[in-house]
Protein backbone atom coordinates (compact mmCIF):
# COMPACT_ATOMS: atom_id res chain seq x y z
CA ASP A 1 60.19 9.18 98.21
CA ALA A 2 60.81 10.58 101.70
CA SER A 3 63.93 12.66 100.93
CA SER A 4 62.05 14.29 97.92
CA ARG A 5 59.25 15.30 100.32
CA VAL A 6 61.55 16.75 102.89
CA LEU A 7 63.13 18.80 100.24
CA ALA A 8 59.96 20.09 99.05
CA ARG A 9 58.68 20.87 102.44
CA SER A 10 62.11 22.79 103.15
CA MET A 11 61.88 24.82 100.01
CA ARG A 12 58.26 25.91 100.70
CA ARG A 13 59.12 27.10 104.13
CA ALA A 14 62.12 29.04 102.60
CA THR A 15 59.92 30.69 99.96
CA ALA A 16 57.25 31.50 102.78
CA LEU A 17 60.01 33.06 105.00
CA GLY A 18 61.30 35.17 102.14
CA GLU A 19 57.87 36.54 101.11
CA ARG A 20 57.27 37.50 104.70
CA LEU A 21 60.81 39.23 104.83
CA GLU A 22 60.12 41.01 101.55
CA CYS A 23 56.88 42.53 102.99
CA SER A 24 58.56 43.78 106.09
CA PRO A 25 59.33 47.51 105.89
CA ALA A 26 62.75 47.01 107.54
CA PHE A 27 63.93 44.67 104.95
CA SER A 28 66.70 46.37 102.74
CA ARG A 29 66.77 46.21 99.08
CA ALA A 30 70.11 44.40 99.33
CA SER A 31 68.50 41.76 101.33
CA VAL A 32 65.69 41.18 98.85
CA ARG A 33 68.28 40.58 96.19
CA ARG A 34 70.14 38.27 98.15
CA SER A 35 67.08 36.30 99.15
CA ARG A 36 65.68 36.17 95.56
CA ARG A 37 69.33 34.86 94.44
CA ALA A 38 69.22 32.33 97.04
CA ARG A 39 65.69 30.99 96.09
CA ALA A 40 66.89 30.87 92.46
CA SER A 41 69.93 28.82 93.37
CA ARG A 42 67.83 26.41 95.58
CA GLY A 43 65.41 25.99 92.68
CA VAL A 44 68.15 25.23 90.21
CA GLU A 45 69.90 22.81 92.49
CA ALA A 46 66.43 20.99 93.39
CA ARG A 47 65.71 20.55 89.64
CA ARG A 48 69.18 19.14 89.18
CA VAL A 49 68.75 16.75 92.08
CA ARG A 50 65.47 15.47 90.63
CA MET A 51 66.79 15.01 87.39
CA VAL A 52 69.77 13.13 88.44
CA ARG A 53 67.62 10.81 90.55
CA ALA A 54 65.35 10.30 87.25
CA ARG A 55 68.25 9.35 85.20
CA ALA A 56 69.57 6.79 87.66
CA GLN A 57 65.95 5.38 87.57
CA GLY A 58 66.30 5.01 83.75
CA ASP A 59 62.89 6.92 83.17
CA MET A 60 64.54 10.24 81.83
CA GLY A 61 63.67 11.18 78.17
CA ASP A 62 65.53 13.39 75.73
CA ASP A 63 63.78 16.59 76.84
CA ASP A 64 64.62 15.78 80.47
CA ALA A 65 68.28 15.38 79.68
CA SER A 66 68.36 18.68 77.89
CA ASN A 67 66.68 20.20 80.86
CA ALA A 68 69.14 18.79 83.08
CA ALA A 69 72.08 20.24 81.01
CA ARG A 70 70.55 23.60 81.00
CA ALA A 71 70.21 23.59 84.75
CA ARG A 72 73.82 22.49 85.20
CA ALA A 73 74.79 25.42 83.02
CA GLU A 74 72.64 27.82 84.74
CA SER A 75 73.84 26.82 87.98
CA ILE A 76 77.57 27.14 86.97
CA ASN A 77 77.04 30.52 85.45
CA LEU A 78 75.27 31.76 88.66
CA PHE A 79 78.20 31.05 90.86
CA ARG A 80 80.75 32.06 88.13
CA ASN A 81 79.08 35.48 87.91
CA TYR A 82 79.07 35.96 91.68
CA GLU A 83 82.77 35.06 91.82
CA LEU A 84 83.76 37.64 88.99
CA ARG A 85 81.81 40.30 90.90
CA THR A 86 83.50 39.56 94.26
CA ALA A 87 86.74 37.59 94.39
CA TYR A 88 87.90 38.18 90.80
CA ALA A 89 86.43 41.64 90.53
CA PRO A 90 88.63 44.10 88.46
CA GLU A 91 90.48 46.78 90.19
CA ALA A 92 88.45 50.06 90.06
CA LYS A 93 90.04 52.71 87.67
CA LYS A 94 92.05 55.07 89.51
CA ARG A 95 91.34 58.89 89.72
CA LEU A 96 93.76 61.44 88.78
CA PRO A 97 93.95 64.16 91.57
CA ILE A 98 93.93 67.79 90.51
CA THR A 99 94.79 70.95 92.38
CA LEU A 100 93.43 74.19 90.82
CA ILE A 101 95.52 77.40 91.61
CA THR A 102 93.91 80.76 91.33
CA GLY A 103 94.26 84.32 92.31
CA PHE A 104 94.39 87.83 90.99
CA LEU A 105 97.10 89.44 89.11
CA GLY A 106 100.36 89.57 90.74
CA SER A 107 99.29 87.61 93.81
CA GLY A 108 101.88 84.86 93.50
CA LYS A 109 100.28 82.01 91.71
CA THR A 110 103.29 81.20 89.55
CA THR A 111 105.49 81.29 92.59
CA LEU A 112 103.39 78.66 94.35
CA ALA A 113 103.23 76.46 91.38
CA LYS A 114 106.85 76.72 90.89
CA ARG A 115 107.62 75.88 94.58
CA ALA A 116 105.21 72.87 94.31
CA LEU A 117 107.06 71.57 91.53
CA GLU A 118 110.51 72.07 93.22
CA ASN A 119 109.32 70.30 96.45
CA ARG A 120 107.39 67.44 94.74
CA GLN A 121 110.15 64.77 95.78
CA SER A 122 108.93 61.77 94.05
CA LEU A 123 105.66 62.71 92.73
CA ARG A 124 105.25 62.92 88.99
CA VAL A 125 103.36 66.28 88.17
CA ALA A 126 101.90 67.74 85.14
CA CYS A 127 101.17 71.32 85.25
CA ALA A 128 98.91 73.49 82.99
CA VAL A 129 99.62 77.23 83.14
CA ASN A 130 97.12 79.70 81.47
CA ASP A 131 98.22 83.36 80.76
CA PHE A 132 95.96 86.22 79.66
CA ALA A 133 98.66 87.78 77.44
CA ALA A 134 99.99 86.50 74.23
CA ILE A 135 103.49 85.50 75.59
CA ASN A 136 103.08 83.05 78.43
CA VAL A 137 105.78 84.21 80.68
CA ASP A 138 104.35 82.28 83.78
CA ALA A 139 104.79 78.75 81.89
CA ARG A 140 108.44 79.73 81.05
CA VAL A 141 109.24 80.45 84.57
CA VAL A 142 107.42 77.46 85.86
CA ARG A 143 109.11 75.18 83.18
CA ARG A 144 112.44 75.94 84.84
CA SER A 145 111.61 73.80 87.87
CA GLY A 146 112.91 70.69 86.08
CA ALA A 147 110.14 70.21 83.48
CA ASP A 148 111.25 67.20 81.26
CA ALA A 149 110.34 63.77 80.74
CA ALA A 150 113.07 62.26 82.90
CA SER A 151 112.22 64.36 85.93
CA GLY A 152 108.42 63.65 86.07
CA VAL A 153 107.43 67.07 85.14
CA GLN A 154 105.30 68.33 82.24
CA VAL A 155 104.34 72.03 81.58
CA THR A 156 101.46 72.85 79.13
CA GLU A 157 101.02 76.39 77.84
CA LEU A 158 97.50 77.86 77.38
CA THR A 159 98.27 81.32 75.93
CA ASN A 160 96.06 84.45 75.05
CA GLY A 161 92.76 83.30 76.55
CA CYS A 162 90.92 82.23 79.46
CA VAL A 163 91.18 78.88 80.93
CA CYS A 164 87.37 78.53 81.13
CA CYS A 165 87.23 78.39 77.44
CA ALA A 166 90.48 76.59 76.80
CA LEU A 167 89.19 73.92 79.25
CA ARG A 168 86.57 72.54 76.65
CA ASP A 169 89.48 72.18 74.22
CA ASP A 170 93.13 72.03 75.11
CA LEU A 171 93.08 71.60 78.77
CA GLU A 172 90.13 69.12 78.65
CA ALA A 173 91.68 67.07 75.94
CA GLY A 174 95.08 67.22 77.88
CA VAL A 175 93.52 66.03 81.09
CA ALA A 176 91.43 63.38 79.35
CA GLU A 177 94.55 62.10 77.66
CA LEU A 178 96.60 61.64 81.06
CA LEU A 179 93.39 59.87 82.30
CA ASN A 180 93.23 57.32 79.51
CA ALA A 181 97.00 56.85 79.30
CA ASP A 182 96.41 53.08 79.84
CA ASP A 183 93.81 51.01 78.01
CA ASP A 184 92.59 49.31 81.26
CA GLY A 185 92.82 52.69 83.25
CA SER A 186 94.73 50.74 86.10
CA ASN A 187 96.96 53.74 86.73
CA MET A 188 97.52 57.15 85.50
CA GLY A 189 100.42 56.49 83.31
CA SER A 190 103.38 59.07 83.49
CA PHE A 191 101.86 61.41 86.18
CA ASP A 192 100.34 61.30 89.60
CA TYR A 193 99.30 64.75 89.96
CA VAL A 194 98.04 67.53 87.85
CA LEU A 195 98.34 71.42 88.74
CA ILE A 196 96.13 73.92 86.84
CA GLU A 197 97.15 77.71 87.15
CA THR A 198 94.59 79.99 86.02
CA SER A 199 95.05 83.43 84.68
CA GLY A 200 94.54 86.20 87.25
CA LEU A 201 91.48 87.67 85.29
CA VAL A 202 89.66 84.17 85.40
CA ASP A 203 86.40 83.50 87.39
CA PRO A 204 87.24 79.66 88.29
CA SER A 205 83.55 78.84 88.83
CA GLU A 206 83.25 77.07 85.49
CA VAL A 207 86.41 75.25 85.71
CA VAL A 208 85.43 74.01 89.22
CA ALA A 209 82.18 72.93 88.17
CA ARG A 210 83.67 70.83 85.18
CA LEU A 211 86.12 69.08 87.30
CA ASP A 212 83.52 68.30 89.92
CA ARG A 213 81.20 66.65 87.21
CA SER A 214 80.46 62.82 87.53
CA PHE A 215 79.89 62.45 83.76
CA GLY A 216 81.89 63.37 80.63
CA PRO A 217 85.52 63.05 79.68
CA LEU A 218 86.73 64.20 83.03
CA THR A 219 84.76 61.62 85.15
CA ARG A 220 87.96 60.26 86.43
CA ALA A 221 89.50 63.63 87.23
CA ARG A 222 89.48 64.28 91.14
CA LEU A 223 89.51 67.68 92.16
CA ASP A 224 91.54 67.74 95.35
CA GLY A 225 91.09 71.47 96.15
CA VAL A 226 91.06 75.04 94.92
CA VAL A 227 93.83 77.19 96.27
CA CYS A 228 93.45 81.14 95.98
CA VAL A 229 96.50 83.28 96.45
CA VAL A 230 95.68 86.67 97.91
CA GLU A 231 97.87 89.55 98.40
CA VAL A 232 97.49 90.78 101.93
CA GLU A 233 97.30 94.61 101.13
CA THR A 234 94.79 93.93 98.24
CA ALA A 235 92.70 91.89 100.87
CA ALA A 236 92.98 94.79 103.28
CA ALA A 237 91.60 97.09 100.88
CA GLY A 238 88.61 95.14 100.11
CA GLY A 239 89.73 93.85 96.71
CA PRO A 240 91.65 95.31 93.64
CA ASP A 241 90.68 98.52 91.99
CA ILE A 242 89.80 96.77 88.72
CA GLU A 243 87.56 93.46 88.13
CA ARG A 244 86.70 93.07 91.83
CA ASP A 245 83.86 90.85 91.10
CA VAL A 246 86.32 88.26 89.57
CA TRP A 247 88.41 88.51 92.70
CA ASP A 248 85.29 88.06 94.77
CA ALA A 249 84.52 84.90 92.78
CA GLN A 250 88.01 83.66 93.08
CA LEU A 251 87.63 83.73 96.93
CA ALA A 252 84.14 82.14 96.87
CA CYS A 253 85.43 79.01 94.98
CA ALA A 254 88.44 78.70 97.29
CA ASP A 255 88.92 75.71 99.58
CA ILE A 256 92.27 77.06 100.79
CA VAL A 257 93.27 80.91 100.72
CA LEU A 258 97.07 81.76 101.05
CA LEU A 259 97.24 85.20 102.48
CA ASN A 260 100.52 86.10 100.74
CA LYS A 261 103.33 88.71 101.00
CA ILE A 262 102.75 89.61 104.68
CA ASP A 263 106.36 90.61 104.94
CA LEU A 264 105.55 93.55 102.83
CA ILE A 265 103.47 95.20 105.51
CA ARG A 266 105.99 94.35 108.40
CA ASP A 267 107.39 97.91 108.45
CA LEU A 268 104.14 99.82 108.43
CA GLU A 269 103.00 101.51 111.60
CA ASP A 270 99.60 99.99 111.42
CA ALA A 271 100.67 96.66 110.21
CA ASP A 272 98.71 94.66 112.66
CA ALA A 273 95.44 96.66 111.76
CA VAL A 274 96.24 95.88 108.00
CA LEU A 275 96.61 92.40 108.71
CA CYS A 276 93.44 92.08 110.83
CA ARG A 277 91.34 93.76 107.92
CA ALA A 278 92.77 91.17 105.55
CA ARG A 279 91.72 88.32 107.65
CA GLU A 280 88.24 89.76 107.94
CA VAL A 281 87.70 90.50 104.24
CA VAL A 282 88.98 87.01 103.53
CA SER A 283 86.67 85.29 106.05
CA ALA A 284 83.71 87.19 104.64
CA ARG A 285 84.53 86.30 101.06
CA ALA A 286 85.51 82.76 101.57
CA PRO A 287 83.43 81.11 104.29
CA GLY A 288 84.72 77.83 105.37
CA ALA A 289 87.85 78.12 103.59
CA ARG A 290 91.26 77.52 105.33
CA VAL A 291 93.42 80.63 105.58
CA ILE A 292 97.46 80.37 105.73
CA GLU A 293 99.54 83.46 106.02
CA CYS A 294 102.76 83.17 104.20
CA VAL A 295 105.70 84.85 102.59
CA ASP A 296 106.48 84.35 99.01
CA ALA A 297 103.93 81.63 98.71
CA ASP A 298 106.15 79.44 100.89
CA VAL A 299 103.89 76.67 102.34
CA PRO A 300 104.19 73.02 103.17
CA LEU A 301 103.28 70.85 100.06
CA PRO A 302 100.49 68.88 102.12
CA SER A 303 98.60 72.08 102.77
CA ILE A 304 97.92 72.45 99.02
CA LEU A 305 98.16 68.92 97.70
CA ASP A 306 96.18 65.95 99.13
CA VAL A 307 99.31 63.85 99.93
CA ASP A 308 100.78 62.51 102.84
CA MET A 309 104.39 62.14 104.04
CA ILE A 310 105.71 58.58 104.54
CA GLY A 311 106.03 57.99 108.21
CA GLN A 312 108.71 56.43 110.07
CA PRO A 313 108.77 52.61 109.65
CA GLU A 314 108.12 50.57 112.74
CA GLY A 315 111.08 49.67 114.79
CA LYS A 316 113.20 52.33 113.00
CA SER A 317 115.33 54.62 115.23
CA GLY A 318 118.12 56.83 114.99
CA HIS A 319 118.86 60.66 114.48
CA ASP A 320 119.45 60.15 110.79
CA TRP A 321 115.78 59.50 110.20
CA GLY A 322 114.10 62.48 108.58
CA ALA A 323 117.45 63.98 107.89
CA SER A 324 116.75 64.02 104.13
CA ALA A 325 113.61 64.70 102.25
CA MET A 326 110.65 62.39 102.74
CA PRO A 327 108.82 61.29 99.86
CA TYR A 328 105.10 61.74 99.46
CA VAL A 329 102.27 59.31 98.80
CA LEU A 330 98.80 60.20 97.26
CA SER A 331 95.73 60.14 99.41
CA PRO A 332 93.64 57.21 98.29
CA THR A 333 90.26 58.93 98.43
CA GLY A 334 90.97 62.80 98.27
CA GLY A 335 88.54 65.43 99.80
CA ARG A 336 90.50 66.31 102.84
CA LEU A 337 91.13 69.74 101.58
CA ARG A 338 87.88 70.50 100.32
CA LYS A 339 85.90 73.02 102.46
CA PRO A 340 82.58 71.85 103.77
CA LYS A 341 79.48 72.57 101.85
CA GLN A 342 77.51 75.34 103.05
CA GLU A 343 73.96 75.11 104.02
CA GLU A 344 73.06 78.24 102.40
CA LYS A 345 74.14 78.74 98.79
CA VAL A 346 77.13 81.04 98.47
CA ASN A 347 76.49 83.91 96.01
CA VAL A 348 79.07 83.14 93.43
CA VAL A 349 79.56 85.99 90.89
CA THR A 350 79.19 84.41 87.41
CA ARG A 351 80.60 87.41 85.60
CA GLY A 352 84.14 86.80 84.42
CA PRO A 353 86.31 86.14 81.33
CA PHE A 354 84.60 83.33 79.87
CA SER A 355 85.56 84.09 76.34
CA LEU A 356 87.95 86.12 74.54
CA ASP A 357 87.69 89.08 71.93
CA LEU A 358 90.69 88.25 69.64
CA THR A 359 90.56 91.90 68.08
CA LYS A 360 91.30 93.58 71.48
CA LYS A 361 92.44 90.65 73.75
CA THR A 362 89.87 91.34 76.17
CA THR A 363 87.78 89.15 78.19
CA HIS A 364 83.91 89.28 78.45
CA VAL A 365 80.73 87.46 79.19
CA PRO A 366 78.91 86.55 75.90
CA GLY A 367 76.21 89.03 75.49
CA GLY A 368 77.42 90.96 78.63
CA ALA A 369 79.39 93.82 79.35
CA GLN A 370 83.13 93.76 78.15
CA SER A 371 85.98 94.18 80.32
CA THR A 372 88.34 97.13 80.05
CA CYS A 373 91.49 95.04 80.61
CA ASN A 374 93.59 94.36 77.74
CA SER A 375 97.19 93.04 77.27
CA LEU A 376 100.34 94.19 75.19
CA ALA A 377 103.39 92.06 74.49
CA TYR A 378 106.84 93.15 73.36
CA GLU A 379 109.68 90.73 72.31
CA GLY A 380 112.98 91.92 70.98
CA THR A 381 116.52 90.85 70.55
CA LYS A 382 118.53 94.04 71.74
CA PRO A 383 119.44 94.36 75.40
CA LEU A 384 117.90 97.37 77.48
CA VAL A 385 119.96 100.26 78.97
CA PHE A 386 119.13 99.94 82.77
CA ALA A 387 119.17 103.67 83.46
CA ARG A 388 116.24 104.03 80.98
CA PHE A 389 114.61 100.83 82.21
CA GLN A 390 114.79 102.04 85.74
CA HIS A 391 113.11 105.36 84.93
CA TRP A 392 110.44 103.44 82.76
CA ALA A 393 109.58 100.88 85.54
CA THR A 394 109.19 103.52 88.31
CA ALA A 395 107.84 106.44 86.48
CA MET A 396 106.77 105.97 83.08
CA ILE A 397 104.76 102.71 83.03
CA PRO A 398 101.18 103.47 82.40
CA LYS A 399 99.24 104.26 85.59
CA SER A 400 96.41 101.90 84.72
CA THR A 401 98.81 99.01 84.62
CA ALA A 402 97.54 96.11 86.98
CA ARG A 403 100.46 93.88 86.10
CA SER A 404 103.69 93.60 84.05
CA LYS A 405 106.21 90.87 83.71
CA GLY A 406 108.84 89.37 81.64
CA VAL A 407 112.47 88.40 81.28
CA VAL A 408 114.98 91.42 80.37
CA THR A 409 118.59 91.83 79.79
CA PHE A 410 120.70 94.89 80.20
CA VAL A 411 123.67 96.19 78.06
CA GLU A 412 125.69 97.03 81.15
CA ASP A 413 126.37 93.34 81.79
CA VAL A 414 129.67 92.23 79.96
CA GLU A 415 128.41 88.59 80.24
CA ARG A 416 124.73 88.49 78.98
CA VAL A 417 122.40 87.75 82.14
CA SER A 418 118.84 87.59 82.00
CA TYR A 419 116.51 88.87 84.87
CA ASP A 420 113.13 87.98 85.94
CA PHE A 421 110.97 91.28 86.09
CA HIS A 422 107.86 91.70 87.73
CA PHE A 423 105.39 94.71 88.36
CA SER A 424 102.28 94.46 90.51
CA GLY A 425 99.99 96.55 92.65
CA LYS A 426 101.37 99.74 94.41
CA SER A 427 104.26 100.07 91.99
CA ARG A 428 106.00 96.98 93.56
CA LEU A 429 108.98 95.66 91.39
CA GLU A 430 110.86 92.37 91.36
CA LEU A 431 114.14 92.26 89.44
CA GLU A 432 116.26 89.19 89.93
CA PRO A 433 118.66 86.85 87.98
CA SER A 434 116.84 84.17 85.90
CA VAL A 435 117.68 80.57 86.44
CA GLY A 436 117.46 77.63 84.07
CA GLU A 437 116.66 77.57 80.45
CA LEU A 438 116.47 81.36 80.27
CA ALA A 439 119.76 82.34 82.20
CA SER A 440 121.63 82.73 78.97
CA ALA A 441 118.69 84.17 76.87
CA THR A 442 119.47 86.94 74.56
CA SER A 443 116.18 88.39 73.99
CA THR A 444 113.82 90.48 75.94
CA CYS A 445 110.13 89.96 76.41
CA LEU A 446 107.64 92.11 78.35
CA VAL A 447 103.84 91.65 78.94
CA ILE A 448 101.63 94.60 80.30
CA ILE A 449 98.15 94.14 81.47
CA GLY A 450 96.03 96.88 82.39
CA VAL A 451 92.97 99.14 81.60
CA ASP A 452 92.54 100.80 78.16
CA LEU A 453 96.31 100.59 77.42
CA ASP A 454 97.48 102.60 74.60
CA GLU A 455 99.40 100.13 72.49
CA ASP A 456 101.22 102.73 70.08
CA SER A 457 102.46 104.80 73.18
CA VAL A 458 103.51 101.87 75.29
CA MET A 459 105.47 100.23 72.53
CA ARG A 460 107.16 103.37 71.48
CA ASP A 461 108.12 103.83 75.32
CA ILE A 462 109.64 100.23 75.53
CA CYS A 463 111.57 100.72 72.09
CA ALA A 464 113.25 103.63 73.54
CA LEU A 465 114.65 101.64 76.40
CA GLU A 466 117.04 100.12 73.90
CA GLU A 467 118.86 103.43 72.87
CA ALA A 468 122.20 104.23 74.45
CA LEU A 469 122.66 107.21 76.64
CA PRO A 470 123.78 110.30 74.68
CA VAL A 471 127.63 110.12 74.14
CA VAL A 472 127.89 113.99 74.49
CA ASN A 473 126.65 113.59 78.20
CA MET A 474 129.02 110.74 79.14
CA ASP A 475 131.61 113.09 80.84
CA ALA A 476 128.74 114.74 82.91
CA ILE A 477 127.49 111.31 83.94
CA ARG A 478 131.11 110.17 85.07
CA ARG A 479 131.19 113.18 87.36
CA VAL A 480 127.70 112.38 88.77
CA LYS A 481 128.97 108.77 89.39
CA GLU A 482 131.95 110.02 91.12
CA ASP A 483 130.02 112.38 93.44
CA VAL A 484 127.43 109.83 94.38
CA ALA A 485 130.04 107.05 94.97
CA ARG A 486 131.95 109.50 97.32
CA ALA A 487 128.85 110.43 99.14
CA MET A 488 127.80 106.67 99.62
CA ALA A 489 131.30 105.75 100.86
CA GLU A 490 130.74 107.95 103.84
CA ASP A 491 128.26 105.54 105.13
CA LEU A 492 130.53 102.92 106.77
CA ARG A 493 127.57 100.31 106.47
CA PHE A 494 128.18 99.94 102.92
CA GLU A 495 131.06 98.68 100.81
CA ILE A 496 131.36 100.84 97.44
CA MET A 497 132.86 98.99 94.63
CA ASP A 498 135.51 100.72 92.23
CA ASN A 499 133.27 101.78 89.25
CA SER A 500 136.35 103.35 87.36
CA ASP A 501 136.56 100.30 85.06
CA ASP A 502 132.83 99.86 84.34
CA GLY A 503 132.78 101.61 81.02
CA ASP A 504 130.29 104.13 79.73
CA ASN A 505 127.38 103.58 81.99
CA ALA A 506 125.47 105.34 84.93
CA LEU A 507 125.68 102.59 87.44
CA VAL A 508 127.28 102.65 90.96
CA SER A 509 127.88 99.08 92.49
CA PHE A 510 127.60 98.60 96.34
CA ARG A 511 126.70 95.91 98.87
CA LEU A 512 125.60 96.05 102.57
CA THR A 513 127.79 94.64 105.24
CA GLY A 514 127.38 96.66 108.39
CA ALA A 515 130.87 95.62 109.70
CA ALA A 516 133.09 98.76 109.94
CA SER A 517 130.25 100.72 111.50
CA ASN A 518 129.91 98.08 114.06
CA GLY A 519 133.43 97.57 114.79
CA PHE A 520 133.80 94.20 112.79
CA THR A 521 135.52 93.24 109.75
CA VAL A 522 133.60 91.35 106.94
CA ALA A 523 135.64 88.25 107.65
CA GLU A 524 134.78 88.21 111.31
CA LEU A 525 131.22 88.46 110.75
CA GLU A 526 131.31 85.64 108.10
CA GLU A 527 133.59 83.25 109.94
CA SER A 528 132.90 83.70 113.60
CA HIS A 529 129.00 84.65 113.42
CA GLY A 530 127.91 83.02 110.04
CA VAL A 531 126.35 86.26 108.68
CA ASP A 532 125.61 85.67 104.97
CA PHE A 533 126.09 89.01 103.16
CA ASN A 534 124.39 87.64 99.90
CA ASP A 535 121.20 86.94 101.72
CA MET A 536 121.47 90.16 103.69
CA ASN A 537 121.82 92.12 100.29
CA LEU A 538 119.13 90.22 98.51
CA GLU A 539 116.75 91.05 101.25
CA LEU A 540 117.79 94.68 100.69
CA LEU A 541 117.03 94.34 96.89
CA ARG A 542 113.77 92.91 97.59
CA ALA A 543 112.67 95.44 99.95
CA VAL A 544 113.77 98.66 98.15
CA ASN A 545 112.17 97.25 94.62
CA ALA A 546 109.04 96.23 96.67
CA GLY A 547 108.75 99.80 98.31
CA GLY A 548 107.10 101.33 95.45
CA THR A 549 109.22 104.51 96.03
CA GLY A 550 110.62 105.12 92.75
CA THR A 551 113.96 103.27 93.40
CA CYS A 552 115.05 100.30 91.40
CA LEU A 553 117.99 98.00 91.95
CA VAL A 554 119.49 95.35 89.84
CA PRO A 555 121.82 92.60 91.34
CA MET A 556 125.30 91.50 90.13
CA SER A 557 127.46 88.70 91.02
CA HIS A 558 131.24 89.34 91.17
CA PRO A 559 133.02 86.45 89.68
CA SER A 560 136.43 87.22 91.14
CA LYS A 561 135.17 87.78 94.72
CA CYS A 562 133.79 85.08 96.60
CA THR A 563 132.32 84.69 100.19
CA LYS A 564 133.45 82.45 102.94
CA PHE A 565 130.71 80.00 101.81
CA GLY A 566 132.21 79.62 98.38
CA VAL A 567 129.82 81.77 96.36
CA PRO A 568 130.43 84.83 94.31
CA GLN A 569 129.81 88.06 96.13
CA LEU A 570 126.49 89.74 95.49
CA PHE A 571 126.56 93.52 94.55
CA LEU A 572 123.59 95.76 94.08
CA ARG A 573 123.62 98.46 91.30
CA LEU A 574 122.04 101.73 91.21
CA ALA A 575 121.35 104.13 88.12
CA VAL A 576 122.51 107.68 89.28
CA VAL A 577 120.74 109.51 86.47
CA ASN A 578 117.41 108.88 84.83
CA GLY A 579 117.45 107.66 81.35
CA ASP A 580 114.97 110.42 80.02
CA GLU A 581 117.20 113.52 80.73
CA ASN A 582 118.85 115.21 77.85
CA ASN A 583 121.39 116.94 79.89
CA TYR A 584 122.99 115.99 83.26
CA ASP A 585 123.97 118.89 85.34
CA GLY A 586 126.46 117.40 87.83
CA ASP A 587 125.33 119.03 90.97
CA ASP A 588 121.67 118.85 90.25
CA ALA A 589 121.85 115.11 89.11
CA ALA A 590 123.93 114.08 92.21
CA SER A 591 121.74 115.68 94.74
CA LYS A 592 118.42 114.35 93.28
CA CYS A 593 119.95 110.93 93.46
CA LEU A 594 121.23 111.18 96.88
CA ASP A 595 118.02 112.94 98.31
CA THR A 596 115.77 110.27 96.82
CA LYS A 597 117.08 106.92 95.91
CA TRP A 598 119.98 106.81 98.47
CA MET A 599 117.82 107.90 101.30
CA GLU A 600 115.44 105.03 100.61
CA ILE A 601 118.28 102.62 100.36
CA ARG A 602 119.64 103.73 103.64
CA ARG A 603 116.33 103.69 105.47
CA ARG A 604 115.85 100.02 104.29
CA ALA A 605 119.19 98.95 105.38
CA THR A 606 118.71 100.12 108.92
CA ARG A 607 115.84 97.89 109.48
CA ILE A 608 117.74 94.89 107.84
CA LEU A 609 120.74 95.23 109.99
CA GLU A 610 118.63 95.36 113.06
CA ARG A 611 117.45 91.93 112.15
CA SER A 612 120.67 90.52 110.80
CA ILE A 613 123.63 91.65 113.13
CA ALA A 614 122.12 93.85 115.95
CA HIS A 615 122.10 90.80 118.17
CA ILE A 616 125.96 90.07 117.80
CA PRO A 617 127.69 91.50 120.74
CA GLN A 618 130.49 94.05 119.88
CA CYS A 619 132.65 93.05 122.91
CA LYS A 620 135.54 90.67 121.99
CA CYS A 621 136.87 89.91 125.25
CA GLY A 622 135.77 86.42 125.08
CA PHE A 623 133.53 86.42 128.21
């Protein structure tokens, strides 16, 4: 009939048009697929129309009826599949963002990871910490940042090995478990973000390559960025004295470089020149990477994690907005922190600790040259004598030591207090009270990483730190304490604590105020000018210990004396004699302490007072 002829003519024209379009070079593959699906749909519909008309005329047989049913099923399935792929398509599986933190020994990686966990706001973060030594001190420090199931933080230890090898086992399995926390993969289960901190002797090239793969168990892992923490003085020198190729590889992989500890060069005469050299070296070793200069790894969280801060809602106004910490939201796509790919391939050094020699705890490339670095670990239950520890940390620690860290306790503390100890390049020390789970620890653990360390000699020296000072010399030590305390009291910038009831030890306690020497009282500076003496003395503690001049101080909170801010006063303690001396001549020992240690403390105090109270006018007339 006429309608059939019209339908047939229309289909022939559409078919011819589709064939011409397919032959056109500008015709896209997607258009070809759509054209073919349309032709198939029209063909099925035409057969269905003809069969319906035939059935209406009563001339359809059993075969025709079967064909009609099949045509209807094909038509229904065609549109159903299209709807399932479009309107009812399942939500794409989310990817778990990961930030890799790398850097050489003592650069500040653990401090950065700890700050990230403390400032994460509402983000649920899992952190994997790798350590080269047998005791994972870094993981213990990071875990104090509130790592428990209720807080949304989990810390995983990867100990006594390199993360390159562990990634194939523990780390890869752990990340895969987070990725597959839900059967349908609709969300990431208990965590929003993963931080991976590598050991300081790890070349992260293999880790980056595995996380960037588009296949395998880590397919849904999204590497948001590689953050390399670099000490400014190490960068200015062109790299560390050992394992420099590993240091180069860490920078070559970095998307973001944190030029850390710039405060330590502030007092140098050529501070500007040192900083310029460090910038030039980093730019050459990490082309395309973003460089951030910082102190104590203190940087905004969005600069190392691909997150956004929730903006102010439309119509919201008032001074109270932004007064509290704002929550973070994840970037939906990621990639904003990654550096642009270089046109020329960067020469990434592939040598590094990719496997572990368990007999010597050294890292090496399979079949290649073995590294000379090894690590030693000590753990004991007895507290140490601070006079002996001070001498060991400043003079007796092996010269080839690249890094030392741990948690120590001292016999001089009536109430047992734990201290975090760190030793890094240029004999820089850190010794501050522990917080969190280790604040009341009764054991001492130390880790030493260096070149060709003699285990017997090092362990013998550490065990000797537990021995008490000779009883026969205690009278001489008391006289030295009195002489040193009397000479220290002559400097009116310091407040000397009465040490008569301290017992049999070699410590003198003091704190920096600068009040009497500037015509003020301590109460005036605290109440009228808001001077925080605890912060001032904490800065003095860090400056002296990081100076590398052979002087070491340990802090002490005085529970019976509080500042105007309601916190216990912070005092610093100095050992007036060295713990290795067998006899202590009064005049000699006192002069040695005053001419070296006390002079260094006074020099550092001058610069701190210039920054803290020099701006306060001494005139009290009120005009």
